[in-house]
Amino acid sequence: MTETEILQAIRLALSSGPRRLYRNNTGKLADPTGRWVNFGLAVGSGDLIGWRMLTVTPAMVGKTIAQFVSLEVKTPKGRMRREQLLWVDVVKAAGGCAGVAHNVEEAERILRE
């Protein structure tokens, strides 16, 4: 499978119920005046971003919250760039859920952690 096919399989399989994942394209394009415009969340951010719903423990008033999710999708031979590794670490350090997935099962495991 190509990276795009893996990404679509993960997005379709895991974007239901209490979870939502959206394609996060990043890059830059020239506007009509020739100026470069960056798009996407950030350099190194995951291919899929979204949220998963969590129920806060009773000690935290029992509210349900949305937790930020960022998944980088790679083929079995794909390699993470430095910026992508840093992004995963930053999201996790801030209390989000992030990781690299090579298939639907790995993505599901990341979302269960």
PDB file of N, CA and C in Angstrom:
ATOM      1  N   MET A   1       0.840  -1.191   0.000  1.00  0.00           N
ATOM      2  CA  MET A   1       0.000   0.000   0.000  1.00  0.00           C
ATOM      3  C   MET A   1       0.884   1.254   0.000  1.00  0.00           C
ATOM      4  N   THR A   2       0.400   2.300  -0.648  1.00  0.00           N
ATOM      5  CA  THR A   2       1.112   3.579  -0.613  1.00  0.00           C
ATOM      6  C   THR A   2       0.792   4.288   0.699  1.00  0.00           C
ATOM      7  N   GLU A   3       1.563   5.337   1.013  1.00  0.00           N
ATOM      8  CA  GLU A   3       1.292   6.116   2.220  1.00  0.00           C
ATOM      9  C   GLU A   3      -0.112   6.715   2.170  1.00  0.00           C
ATOM     10  N   THR A   4      -0.527   7.193   1.014  1.00  0.00           N
ATOM     11  CA  THR A   4      -1.863   7.775   0.867  1.00  0.00           C
ATOM     12  C   THR A   4      -2.947   6.731   1.134  1.00  0.00           C
ATOM     13  N   GLU A   5      -2.760   5.525   0.645  1.00  0.00           N
ATOM     14  CA  GLU A   5      -3.741   4.456   0.877  1.00  0.00           C
ATOM     15  C   GLU A   5      -3.801   4.073   2.354  1.00  0.00           C
ATOM     16  N   ILE A   6      -2.643   3.997   3.017  1.00  0.00           N
ATOM     17  CA  ILE A   6      -2.611   3.698   4.452  1.00  0.00           C
ATOM     18  C   ILE A   6      -3.300   4.816   5.225  1.00  0.00           C
ATOM     19  N   LEU A   7      -2.992   6.061   4.883  1.00  0.00           N
ATOM     20  CA  LEU A   7      -3.584   7.227   5.542  1.00  0.00           C
ATOM     21  C   LEU A   7      -5.107   7.198   5.422  1.00  0.00           C
ATOM     22  N   GLN A   8      -5.610   6.942   4.234  1.00  0.00           N
ATOM     23  CA  GLN A   8      -7.064   6.909   4.023  1.00  0.00           C
ATOM     24  C   GLN A   8      -7.704   5.771   4.804  1.00  0.00           C
ATOM     25  N   ALA A   9      -7.053   4.609   4.843  1.00  0.00           N
ATOM     26  CA  ALA A   9      -7.597   3.473   5.596  1.00  0.00           C
ATOM     27  C   ALA A   9      -7.686   3.812   7.076  1.00  0.00           C
ATOM     28  N   ILE A  10      -6.635   4.444   7.620  1.00  0.00           N
ATOM     29  CA  ILE A  10      -6.641   4.839   9.033  1.00  0.00           C
ATOM     30  C   ILE A  10      -7.719   5.878   9.283  1.00  0.00           C
ATOM     31  N   ARG A  11      -7.776   6.898   8.442  1.00  0.00           N
ATOM     32  CA  ARG A  11      -8.765   7.973   8.627  1.00  0.00           C
ATOM     33  C   ARG A  11     -10.184   7.419   8.615  1.00  0.00           C
ATOM     34  N   LEU A  12     -10.491   6.555   7.673  1.00  0.00           N
ATOM     35  CA  LEU A  12     -11.837   6.003   7.575  1.00  0.00           C
ATOM     36  C   LEU A  12     -12.157   5.053   8.722  1.00  0.00           C
ATOM     37  N   ALA A  13     -11.188   4.245   9.134  1.00  0.00           N
ATOM     38  CA  ALA A  13     -11.424   3.276  10.203  1.00  0.00           C
ATOM     39  C   ALA A  13     -11.551   3.918  11.572  1.00  0.00           C
ATOM     40  N   LEU A  14     -10.862   5.033  11.797  1.00  0.00           N
ATOM     41  CA  LEU A  14     -10.784   5.590  13.151  1.00  0.00           C
ATOM     42  C   LEU A  14     -11.464   6.942  13.321  1.00  0.00           C
ATOM     43  N   SER A  15     -12.257   7.372  12.358  1.00  0.00           N
ATOM     44  CA  SER A  15     -12.947   8.666  12.483  1.00  0.00           C
ATOM     45  C   SER A  15     -14.433   8.458  12.711  1.00  0.00           C
ATOM     46  N   SER A  16     -14.741   7.755  13.761  1.00  0.00           N
ATOM     47  CA  SER A  16     -16.150   7.546  14.102  1.00  0.00           C
ATOM     48  C   SER A  16     -16.297   7.566  15.612  1.00  0.00           C
ATOM     49  N   GLY A  17     -17.533   7.658  16.059  1.00  0.00           N
ATOM     50  CA  GLY A  17     -17.788   7.682  17.493  1.00  0.00           C
ATOM     51  C   GLY A  17     -17.111   8.859  18.160  1.00  0.00           C
ATOM     52  N   PRO A  18     -16.309   8.577  19.200  1.00  0.00           N
ATOM     53  CA  PRO A  18     -15.701   9.676  19.963  1.00  0.00           C
ATOM     54  C   PRO A  18     -14.383  10.188  19.391  1.00  0.00           C
ATOM     55  N   ARG A  19     -14.078   9.837  18.147  1.00  0.00           N
ATOM     56  CA  ARG A  19     -12.807  10.259  17.545  1.00  0.00           C
ATOM     57  C   ARG A  19     -13.060  10.911  16.201  1.00  0.00           C
ATOM     58  N   ARG A  20     -12.211  11.873  15.869  1.00  0.00           N
ATOM     59  CA  ARG A  20     -12.249  12.502  14.543  1.00  0.00           C
ATOM     60  C   ARG A  20     -10.811  12.742  14.097  1.00  0.00           C
ATOM     61  N   LEU A  21     -10.502  12.354  12.872  1.00  0.00           N
ATOM     62  CA  LEU A  21      -9.190  12.581  12.290  1.00  0.00           C
ATOM     63  C   LEU A  21      -9.364  13.256  10.948  1.00  0.00           C
ATOM     64  N   TYR A  22      -8.545  14.263  10.690  1.00  0.00           N
ATOM     65  CA  TYR A  22      -8.614  15.034   9.456  1.00  0.00           C
ATOM     66  C   TYR A  22      -7.234  15.091   8.812  1.00  0.00           C
ATOM     67  N   ARG A  23      -7.214  15.136   7.486  1.00  0.00           N
ATOM     68  CA  ARG A  23      -5.965  15.236   6.742  1.00  0.00           C
ATOM     69  C   ARG A  23      -5.337  16.598   6.993  1.00  0.00           C
ATOM     70  N   ASN A  24      -4.063  16.604   7.319  1.00  0.00           N
ATOM     71  CA  ASN A  24      -3.328  17.839   7.589  1.00  0.00           C
ATOM     72  C   ASN A  24      -2.221  17.976   6.551  1.00  0.00           C
ATOM     73  N   ASN A  25      -2.518  18.620   5.455  1.00  0.00           N
ATOM     74  CA  ASN A  25      -1.498  18.901   4.450  1.00  0.00           C
ATOM     75  C   ASN A  25      -0.688  20.099   4.900  1.00  0.00           C
ATOM     76  N   THR A  26       0.617  20.026   4.739  1.00  0.00           N
ATOM     77  CA  THR A  26       1.463  21.161   5.074  1.00  0.00           C
ATOM     78  C   THR A  26       2.374  21.483   3.896  1.00  0.00           C
ATOM     79  N   GLY A  27       2.792  22.723   3.825  1.00  0.00           N
ATOM     80  CA  GLY A  27       3.693  23.137   2.754  1.00  0.00           C
ATOM     81  C   GLY A  27       3.600  24.620   2.521  1.00  0.00           C
ATOM     82  N   LYS A  28       3.959  25.041   1.307  1.00  0.00           N
ATOM     83  CA  LYS A  28       3.848  26.452   0.953  1.00  0.00           C
ATOM     84  C   LYS A  28       3.607  26.576  -0.536  1.00  0.00           C
ATOM     85  N   LEU A  29       2.881  27.625  -0.878  1.00  0.00           N
ATOM     86  CA  LEU A  29       2.563  27.950  -2.265  1.00  0.00           C
ATOM     87  C   LEU A  29       2.715  29.445  -2.472  1.00  0.00           C
ATOM     88  N   ALA A  30       2.969  29.839  -3.688  1.00  0.00           N
ATOM     89  CA  ALA A  30       3.032  31.263  -4.011  1.00  0.00           C
ATOM     90  C   ALA A  30       1.608  31.793  -4.195  1.00  0.00           C
ATOM     91  N   ASP A  31       1.332  32.953  -3.604  1.00  0.00           N
ATOM     92  CA  ASP A  31       0.022  33.586  -3.820  1.00  0.00           C
ATOM     93  C   ASP A  31       0.068  34.338  -5.158  1.00  0.00           C
ATOM     94  N   PRO A  32      -1.046  34.967  -5.565  1.00  0.00           N
ATOM     95  CA  PRO A  32      -1.069  35.655  -6.867  1.00  0.00           C
ATOM     96  C   PRO A  32      -0.012  36.745  -7.035  1.00  0.00           C
ATOM     97  N   THR A  33       0.497  37.271  -5.898  1.00  0.00           N
ATOM     98  CA  THR A  33       1.524  38.317  -5.993  1.00  0.00           C
ATOM     99  C   THR A  33       2.937  37.728  -5.974  1.00  0.00           C
ATOM    100  N   GLY A  34       3.041  36.416  -5.822  1.00  0.00           N
ATOM    101  CA  GLY A  34       4.347  35.768  -5.783  1.00  0.00           C
ATOM    102  C   GLY A  34       4.907  35.552  -4.393  1.00  0.00           C
ATOM    103  N   ARG A  35       4.202  36.023  -3.369  1.00  0.00           N
ATOM    104  CA  ARG A  35       4.657  35.801  -1.992  1.00  0.00           C
ATOM    105  C   ARG A  35       4.341  34.371  -1.571  1.00  0.00           C
ATOM    106  N   TRP A  36       5.254  33.776  -0.795  1.00  0.00           N
ATOM    107  CA  TRP A  36       5.043  32.414  -0.317  1.00  0.00           C
ATOM    108  C   TRP A  36       4.110  32.423   0.882  1.00  0.00           C
ATOM    109  N   VAL A  37       3.153  31.523   0.876  1.00  0.00           N
ATOM    110  CA  VAL A  37       2.186  31.379   1.962  1.00  0.00           C
ATOM    111  C   VAL A  37       2.299  29.955   2.504  1.00  0.00           C
ATOM    112  N   ASN A  38       2.570  29.853   3.798  1.00  0.00           N
ATOM    113  CA  ASN A  38       2.624  28.536   4.446  1.00  0.00           C
ATOM    114  C   ASN A  38       1.212  28.067   4.751  1.00  0.00           C
ATOM    115  N   PHE A  39       0.991  26.769   4.640  1.00  0.00           N
ATOM    116  CA  PHE A  39      -0.308  26.213   5.016  1.00  0.00           C
ATOM    117  C   PHE A  39      -0.097  24.942   5.812  1.00  0.00           C
ATOM    118  N   GLY A  40      -1.124  24.551   6.528  1.00  0.00           N
ATOM    119  CA  GLY A  40      -1.041  23.390   7.403  1.00  0.00           C
ATOM    120  C   GLY A  40      -0.780  23.833   8.831  1.00  0.00           C
ATOM    121  N   LEU A  41      -0.812  22.880   9.724  1.00  0.00           N
ATOM    122  CA  LEU A  41      -0.685  23.197  11.143  1.00  0.00           C
ATOM    123  C   LEU A  41       0.708  23.723  11.496  1.00  0.00           C
ATOM    124  N   ALA A  42       1.741  22.946  11.217  1.00  0.00           N
ATOM    125  CA  ALA A  42       3.113  23.358  11.544  1.00  0.00           C
ATOM    126  C   ALA A  42       4.079  22.410  10.858  1.00  0.00           C
ATOM    127  N   VAL A  43       5.309  22.849  10.684  1.00  0.00           N
ATOM    128  CA  VAL A  43       6.339  21.973  10.117  1.00  0.00           C
ATOM    129  C   VAL A  43       6.499  20.765  11.033  1.00  0.00           C
ATOM    130  N   GLY A  44       6.429  19.580  10.468  1.00  0.00           N
ATOM    131  CA  GLY A  44       6.573  18.352  11.246  1.00  0.00           C
ATOM    132  C   GLY A  44       5.282  17.809  11.810  1.00  0.00           C
ATOM    133  N   SER A  45       4.180  18.573  11.718  1.00  0.00           N
ATOM    134  CA  SER A  45       2.919  18.098  12.295  1.00  0.00           C
ATOM    135  C   SER A  45       2.423  16.857  11.559  1.00  0.00           C
ATOM    136  N   GLY A  46       1.621  16.066  12.242  1.00  0.00           N
ATOM    137  CA  GLY A  46       1.174  14.780  11.725  1.00  0.00           C
ATOM    138  C   GLY A  46       0.319  14.878  10.472  1.00  0.00           C
ATOM    139  N   ASP A  47       0.289  13.785   9.715  1.00  0.00           N
ATOM    140  CA  ASP A  47      -0.541  13.701   8.516  1.00  0.00           C
ATOM    141  C   ASP A  47      -2.023  13.752   8.864  1.00  0.00           C
ATOM    142  N   LEU A  48      -2.370  13.188  10.008  1.00  0.00           N
ATOM    143  CA  LEU A  48      -3.757  13.196  10.483  1.00  0.00           C
ATOM    144  C   LEU A  48      -3.791  13.896  11.830  1.00  0.00           C
ATOM    145  N   ILE A  49      -4.697  14.842  11.976  1.00  0.00           N
ATOM    146  CA  ILE A  49      -4.870  15.505  13.266  1.00  0.00           C
ATOM    147  C   ILE A  49      -6.345  15.485  13.619  1.00  0.00           C
ATOM    148  N   GLY A  50      -6.634  15.619  14.877  1.00  0.00           N
ATOM    149  CA  GLY A  50      -8.023  15.615  15.316  1.00  0.00           C
ATOM    150  C   GLY A  50      -8.092  15.496  16.818  1.00  0.00           C
ATOM    151  N   TRP A  51      -9.060  14.694  17.282  1.00  0.00           N
ATOM    152  CA  TRP A  51      -9.230  14.523  18.722  1.00  0.00           C
ATOM    153  C   TRP A  51      -9.844  13.177  19.024  1.00  0.00           C
ATOM    154  N   ARG A  52      -9.707  12.803  20.298  1.00  0.00           N
ATOM    155  CA  ARG A  52     -10.422  11.654  20.845  1.00  0.00           C
ATOM    156  C   ARG A  52     -11.065  12.130  22.132  1.00  0.00           C
ATOM    157  N   MET A  53     -12.232  11.631  22.414  1.00  0.00           N
ATOM    158  CA  MET A  53     -12.943  12.036  23.620  1.00  0.00           C
ATOM    159  C   MET A  53     -12.479  11.172  24.787  1.00  0.00           C
ATOM    160  N   LEU A  54     -12.246  11.812  25.914  1.00  0.00           N
ATOM    161  CA  LEU A  54     -11.841  11.138  27.132  1.00  0.00           C
ATOM    162  C   LEU A  54     -12.757  11.559  28.259  1.00  0.00           C
ATOM    163  N   THR A  55     -13.035  10.640  29.148  1.00  0.00           N
ATOM    164  CA  THR A  55     -13.791  10.984  30.349  1.00  0.00           C
ATOM    165  C   THR A  55     -12.790  11.233  31.459  1.00  0.00           C
ATOM    166  N   VAL A  56     -12.855  12.410  32.021  1.00  0.00           N
ATOM    167  CA  VAL A  56     -11.954  12.793  33.103  1.00  0.00           C
ATOM    168  C   VAL A  56     -12.344  11.993  34.342  1.00  0.00           C
ATOM    169  N   THR A  57     -11.370  11.636  35.135  1.00  0.00           N
ATOM    170  CA  THR A  57     -11.617  10.842  36.333  1.00  0.00           C
ATOM    171  C   THR A  57     -12.494  11.605  37.331  1.00  0.00           C
ATOM    172  N   PRO A  58     -13.145  10.895  38.243  1.00  0.00           N
ATOM    173  CA  PRO A  58     -13.992  11.563  39.237  1.00  0.00           C
ATOM    174  C   PRO A  58     -13.259  12.649  40.020  1.00  0.00           C
ATOM    175  N   ALA A  59     -11.974  12.430  40.240  1.00  0.00           N
ATOM    176  CA  ALA A  59     -11.197  13.449  40.948  1.00  0.00           C
ATOM    177  C   ALA A  59     -11.094  14.726  40.123  1.00  0.00           C
ATOM    178  N   MET A  60     -11.406  14.622  38.842  1.00  0.00           N
ATOM    179  CA  MET A  60     -11.342  15.789  37.951  1.00  0.00           C
ATOM    180  C   MET A  60     -12.751  16.187  37.522  1.00  0.00           C
ATOM    181  N   VAL A  61     -13.721  15.948  38.336  1.00  0.00           N
ATOM    182  CA  VAL A  61     -15.108  16.380  38.179  1.00  0.00           C
ATOM    183  C   VAL A  61     -15.897  15.513  37.192  1.00  0.00           C
ATOM    184  N   GLY A  62     -15.300  14.524  36.559  1.00  0.00           N
ATOM    185  CA  GLY A  62     -16.030  13.615  35.694  1.00  0.00           C
ATOM    186  C   GLY A  62     -16.448  14.185  34.346  1.00  0.00           C
ATOM    187  N   LYS A  63     -15.812  15.250  33.900  1.00  0.00           N
ATOM    188  CA  LYS A  63     -16.153  15.834  32.608  1.00  0.00           C
ATOM    189  C   LYS A  63     -15.544  15.024  31.470  1.00  0.00           C
ATOM    190  N   THR A  64     -16.193  15.084  30.315  1.00  0.00           N
ATOM    191  CA  THR A  64     -15.628  14.495  29.111  1.00  0.00           C
ATOM    192  C   THR A  64     -14.958  15.610  28.321  1.00  0.00           C
ATOM    193  N   ILE A  65     -13.729  15.358  27.898  1.00  0.00           N
ATOM    194  CA  ILE A  65     -12.970  16.370  27.180  1.00  0.00           C
ATOM    195  C   ILE A  65     -12.477  15.811  25.847  1.00  0.00           C
ATOM    196  N   ALA A  66     -12.086  16.694  24.964  1.00  0.00           N
ATOM    197  CA  ALA A  66     -11.454  16.289  23.708  1.00  0.00           C
ATOM    198  C   ALA A  66      -9.951  16.427  23.877  1.00  0.00           C
ATOM    199  N   GLN A  67      -9.209  15.376  23.556  1.00  0.00           N
ATOM    200  CA  GLN A  67      -7.754  15.390  23.619  1.00  0.00           C
ATOM    201  C   GLN A  67      -7.205  15.483  22.205  1.00  0.00           C
ATOM    202  N   PHE A  68      -6.259  16.370  21.982  1.00  0.00           N
ATOM    203  CA  PHE A  68      -5.640  16.543  20.671  1.00  0.00           C
ATOM    204  C   PHE A  68      -4.930  15.267  20.248  1.00  0.00           C
ATOM    205  N   VAL A  69      -5.088  14.899  18.976  1.00  0.00           N
ATOM    206  CA  VAL A  69      -4.455  13.715  18.406  1.00  0.00           C
ATOM    207  C   VAL A  69      -3.684  14.111  17.156  1.00  0.00           C
ATOM    208  N   SER A  70      -2.478  13.564  16.998  1.00  0.00           N
ATOM    209  CA  SER A  70      -1.675  13.788  15.796  1.00  0.00           C
ATOM    210  C   SER A  70      -1.002  12.478  15.416  1.00  0.00           C
ATOM    211  N   LEU A  71      -1.329  11.963  14.236  1.00  0.00           N
ATOM    212  CA  LEU A  71      -0.731  10.724  13.750  1.00  0.00           C
ATOM    213  C   LEU A  71       0.094  10.995  12.504  1.00  0.00           C
ATOM    214  N   GLU A  72       1.323  10.539  12.508  1.00  0.00           N
ATOM    215  CA  GLU A  72       2.154  10.561  11.315  1.00  0.00           C
ATOM    216  C   GLU A  72       2.004   9.194  10.664  1.00  0.00           C
ATOM    217  N   VAL A  73       1.722   9.173   9.373  1.00  0.00           N
ATOM    218  CA  VAL A  73       1.503   7.924   8.659  1.00  0.00           C
ATOM    219  C   VAL A  73       2.706   7.645   7.764  1.00  0.00           C
ATOM    220  N   LYS A  74       3.205   6.417   7.849  1.00  0.00           N
ATOM    221  CA  LYS A  74       4.357   6.009   7.052  1.00  0.00           C
ATOM    222  C   LYS A  74       4.116   4.621   6.463  1.00  0.00           C
ATOM    223  N   THR A  75       4.747   4.383   5.333  1.00  0.00           N
ATOM    224  CA  THR A  75       4.775   3.025   4.779  1.00  0.00           C
ATOM    225  C   THR A  75       5.732   2.214   5.660  1.00  0.00           C
ATOM    226  N   PRO A  76       5.738   0.891   5.506  1.00  0.00           N
ATOM    227  CA  PRO A  76       6.665   0.095   6.325  1.00  0.00           C
ATOM    228  C   PRO A  76       8.123   0.521   6.194  1.00  0.00           C
ATOM    229  N   LYS A  77       8.516   1.066   5.063  1.00  0.00           N
ATOM    230  CA  LYS A  77       9.900   1.508   4.869  1.00  0.00           C
ATOM    231  C   LYS A  77      10.089   3.002   5.134  1.00  0.00           C
ATOM    232  N   GLY A  78       8.995   3.712   5.462  1.00  0.00           N
ATOM    233  CA  GLY A  78       9.066   5.154   5.674  1.00  0.00           C
ATOM    234  C   GLY A  78       9.875   5.528   6.901  1.00  0.00           C
ATOM    235  N   ARG A  79      10.531   6.653   6.848  1.00  0.00           N
ATOM    236  CA  ARG A  79      11.368   7.152   7.940  1.00  0.00           C
ATOM    237  C   ARG A  79      10.819   8.480   8.456  1.00  0.00           C
ATOM    238  N   MET A  80      10.906   8.659   9.768  1.00  0.00           N
ATOM    239  CA  MET A  80      10.488   9.911  10.384  1.00  0.00           C
ATOM    240  C   MET A  80      11.607  10.943  10.229  1.00  0.00           C
ATOM    241  N   ARG A  81      11.226  12.172   9.846  1.00  0.00           N
ATOM    242  CA  ARG A  81      12.172  13.290   9.809  1.00  0.00           C
ATOM    243  C   ARG A  81      12.319  13.860  11.227  1.00  0.00           C
ATOM    244  N   ARG A  82      13.396  14.577  11.437  1.00  0.00           N
ATOM    245  CA  ARG A  82      13.672  15.190  12.744  1.00  0.00           C
ATOM    246  C   ARG A  82      12.495  16.026  13.220  1.00  0.00           C
ATOM    247  N   GLU A  83      11.930  16.862  12.333  1.00  0.00           N
ATOM    248  CA  GLU A  83      10.811  17.729  12.701  1.00  0.00           C
ATOM    249  C   GLU A  83       9.587  16.909  13.122  1.00  0.00           C
ATOM    250  N   GLN A  84       9.389  15.777  12.493  1.00  0.00           N
ATOM    251  CA  GLN A  84       8.247  14.930  12.828  1.00  0.00           C
ATOM    252  C   GLN A  84       8.432  14.281  14.200  1.00  0.00           C
ATOM    253  N   LEU A  85       9.640  13.829  14.485  1.00  0.00           N
ATOM    254  CA  LEU A  85       9.933  13.255  15.805  1.00  0.00           C
ATOM    255  C   LEU A  85       9.741  14.293  16.905  1.00  0.00           C
ATOM    256  N   LEU A  86      10.220  15.514  16.656  1.00  0.00           N
ATOM    257  CA  LEU A  86      10.044  16.592  17.630  1.00  0.00           C
ATOM    258  C   LEU A  86       8.573  16.900  17.858  1.00  0.00           C
ATOM    259  N   TRP A  87       7.778  16.924  16.768  1.00  0.00           N
ATOM    260  CA  TRP A  87       6.350  17.214  16.879  1.00  0.00           C
ATOM    261  C   TRP A  87       5.663  16.183  17.786  1.00  0.00           C
ATOM    262  N   VAL A  88       5.961  14.903  17.576  1.00  0.00           N
ATOM    263  CA  VAL A  88       5.370  13.846  18.405  1.00  0.00           C
ATOM    264  C   VAL A  88       5.713  14.085  19.865  1.00  0.00           C
ATOM    265  N   ASP A  89       6.961  14.392  20.155  1.00  0.00           N
ATOM    266  CA  ASP A  89       7.391  14.640  21.541  1.00  0.00           C
ATOM    267  C   ASP A  89       6.676  15.843  22.148  1.00  0.00           C
ATOM    268  N   VAL A  90       6.539  16.925  21.375  1.00  0.00           N
ATOM    269  CA  VAL A  90       5.884  18.139  21.879  1.00  0.00           C
ATOM    270  C   VAL A  90       4.412  17.878  22.182  1.00  0.00           C
ATOM    271  N   VAL A  91       3.732  17.190  21.287  1.00  0.00           N
ATOM    272  CA  VAL A  91       2.308  16.892  21.508  1.00  0.00           C
ATOM    273  C   VAL A  91       2.137  16.041  22.755  1.00  0.00           C
ATOM    274  N   LYS A  92       2.955  15.000  22.908  1.00  0.00           N
ATOM    275  CA  LYS A  92       2.861  14.141  24.094  1.00  0.00           C
ATOM    276  C   LYS A  92       3.168  14.921  25.368  1.00  0.00           C
ATOM    277  N   ALA A  93       4.196  15.769  25.328  1.00  0.00           N
ATOM    278  CA  ALA A  93       4.571  16.555  26.507  1.00  0.00           C
ATOM    279  C   ALA A  93       3.460  17.509  26.927  1.00  0.00           C
ATOM    280  N   ALA A  94       2.649  17.942  25.962  1.00  0.00           N
ATOM    281  CA  ALA A  94       1.550  18.866  26.268  1.00  0.00           C
ATOM    282  C   ALA A  94       0.272  18.128  26.670  1.00  0.00           C
ATOM    283  N   GLY A  95       0.331  16.800  26.749  1.00  0.00           N
ATOM    284  CA  GLY A  95      -0.838  16.029  27.172  1.00  0.00           C
ATOM    285  C   GLY A  95      -1.662  15.476  26.026  1.00  0.00           C
ATOM    286  N   GLY A  96      -1.183  15.635  24.799  1.00  0.00           N
ATOM    287  CA  GLY A  96      -1.895  15.104  23.641  1.00  0.00           C
ATOM    288  C   GLY A  96      -1.516  13.665  23.360  1.00  0.00           C
ATOM    289  N   CYS A  97      -2.102  13.132  22.324  1.00  0.00           N
ATOM    290  CA  CYS A  97      -1.863  11.766  21.878  1.00  0.00           C
ATOM    291  C   CYS A  97      -1.208  11.849  20.507  1.00  0.00           C
ATOM    292  N   ALA A  98      -0.016  11.244  20.357  1.00  0.00           N
ATOM    293  CA  ALA A  98       0.697  11.339  19.082  1.00  0.00           C
ATOM    294  C   ALA A  98       1.554  10.109  18.864  1.00  0.00           C
ATOM    295  N   GLY A  99       1.815   9.807  17.595  1.00  0.00           N
ATOM    296  CA  GLY A  99       2.688   8.695  17.262  1.00  0.00           C
ATOM    297  C   GLY A  99       2.757   8.487  15.774  1.00  0.00           C
ATOM    298  N   VAL A 100       3.507   7.458  15.382  1.00  0.00           N
ATOM    299  CA  VAL A 100       3.645   7.100  13.971  1.00  0.00           C
ATOM    300  C   VAL A 100       2.938   5.763  13.756  1.00  0.00           C
ATOM    301  N   ALA A 101       2.156   5.699  12.697  1.00  0.00           N
ATOM    302  CA  ALA A 101       1.396   4.487  12.383  1.00  0.00           C
ATOM    303  C   ALA A 101       1.716   4.033  10.966  1.00  0.00           C
ATOM    304  N   HIS A 102       1.921   2.731  10.828  1.00  0.00           N
ATOM    305  CA  HIS A 102       2.186   2.130   9.528  1.00  0.00           C
ATOM    306  C   HIS A 102       0.966   1.391   8.999  1.00  0.00           C
ATOM    307  N   ASN A 103      -0.084   1.293   9.835  1.00  0.00           N
ATOM    308  CA  ASN A 103      -1.317   0.608   9.446  1.00  0.00           C
ATOM    309  C   ASN A 103      -2.418   0.973  10.443  1.00  0.00           C
ATOM    310  N   VAL A 104      -3.623   0.497  10.166  1.00  0.00           N
ATOM    311  CA  VAL A 104      -4.778   0.811  11.016  1.00  0.00           C
ATOM    312  C   VAL A 104      -4.569   0.289  12.434  1.00  0.00           C
ATOM    313  N   GLU A 105      -4.019  -0.896  12.576  1.00  0.00           N
ATOM    314  CA  GLU A 105      -3.836  -1.495  13.903  1.00  0.00           C
ATOM    315  C   GLU A 105      -2.896  -0.665  14.775  1.00  0.00           C
ATOM    316  N   GLU A 106      -1.806  -0.178  14.202  1.00  0.00           N
ATOM    317  CA  GLU A 106      -0.893   0.673  14.968  1.00  0.00           C
ATOM    318  C   GLU A 106      -1.562   1.979  15.357  1.00  0.00           C
ATOM    319  N   ALA A 107      -2.330   2.554  14.449  1.00  0.00           N
ATOM    320  CA  ALA A 107      -3.043   3.799  14.756  1.00  0.00           C
ATOM    321  C   ALA A 107      -4.027   3.577  15.893  1.00  0.00           C
ATOM    322  N   GLU A 108      -4.744   2.467  15.843  1.00  0.00           N
ATOM    323  CA  GLU A 108      -5.697   2.152  16.908  1.00  0.00           C
ATOM    324  C   GLU A 108      -4.987   1.983  18.239  1.00  0.00           C
ATOM    325  N   ARG A 109      -3.827   1.323  18.243  1.00  0.00           N
ATOM    326  CA  ARG A 109      -3.056   1.135  19.481  1.00  0.00           C
ATOM    327  C   ARG A 109      -2.631   2.491  20.056  1.00  0.00           C
ATOM    328  N   ILE A 110      -2.192   3.403  19.214  1.00  0.00           N
ATOM    329  CA  ILE A 110      -1.796   4.735  19.670  1.00  0.00           C
ATOM    330  C   ILE A 110      -2.978   5.445  20.317  1.00  0.00           C
ATOM    331  N   LEU A 111      -4.146   5.318  19.727  1.00  0.00           N
ATOM    332  CA  LEU A 111      -5.328   5.991  20.272  1.00  0.00           C
ATOM    333  C   LEU A 111      -5.839   5.344  21.554  1.00  0.00           C
ATOM    334  N   ARG A 112      -5.477   4.097  21.821  1.00  0.00           N
ATOM    335  CA  ARG A 112      -5.877   3.417  23.051  1.00  0.00           C
ATOM    336  C   ARG A 112      -4.955   3.736  24.213  1.00  0.00           C
ATOM    337  N   GLU A 113      -3.720   4.169  23.932  1.00  0.00           N
ATOM    338  CA  GLU A 113      -2.731   4.420  25.011  1.00  0.00           C
ATOM    339  C   GLU A 113      -3.172   5.537  25.919  1.00  0.00           C
TER     340      GLU A 113
END
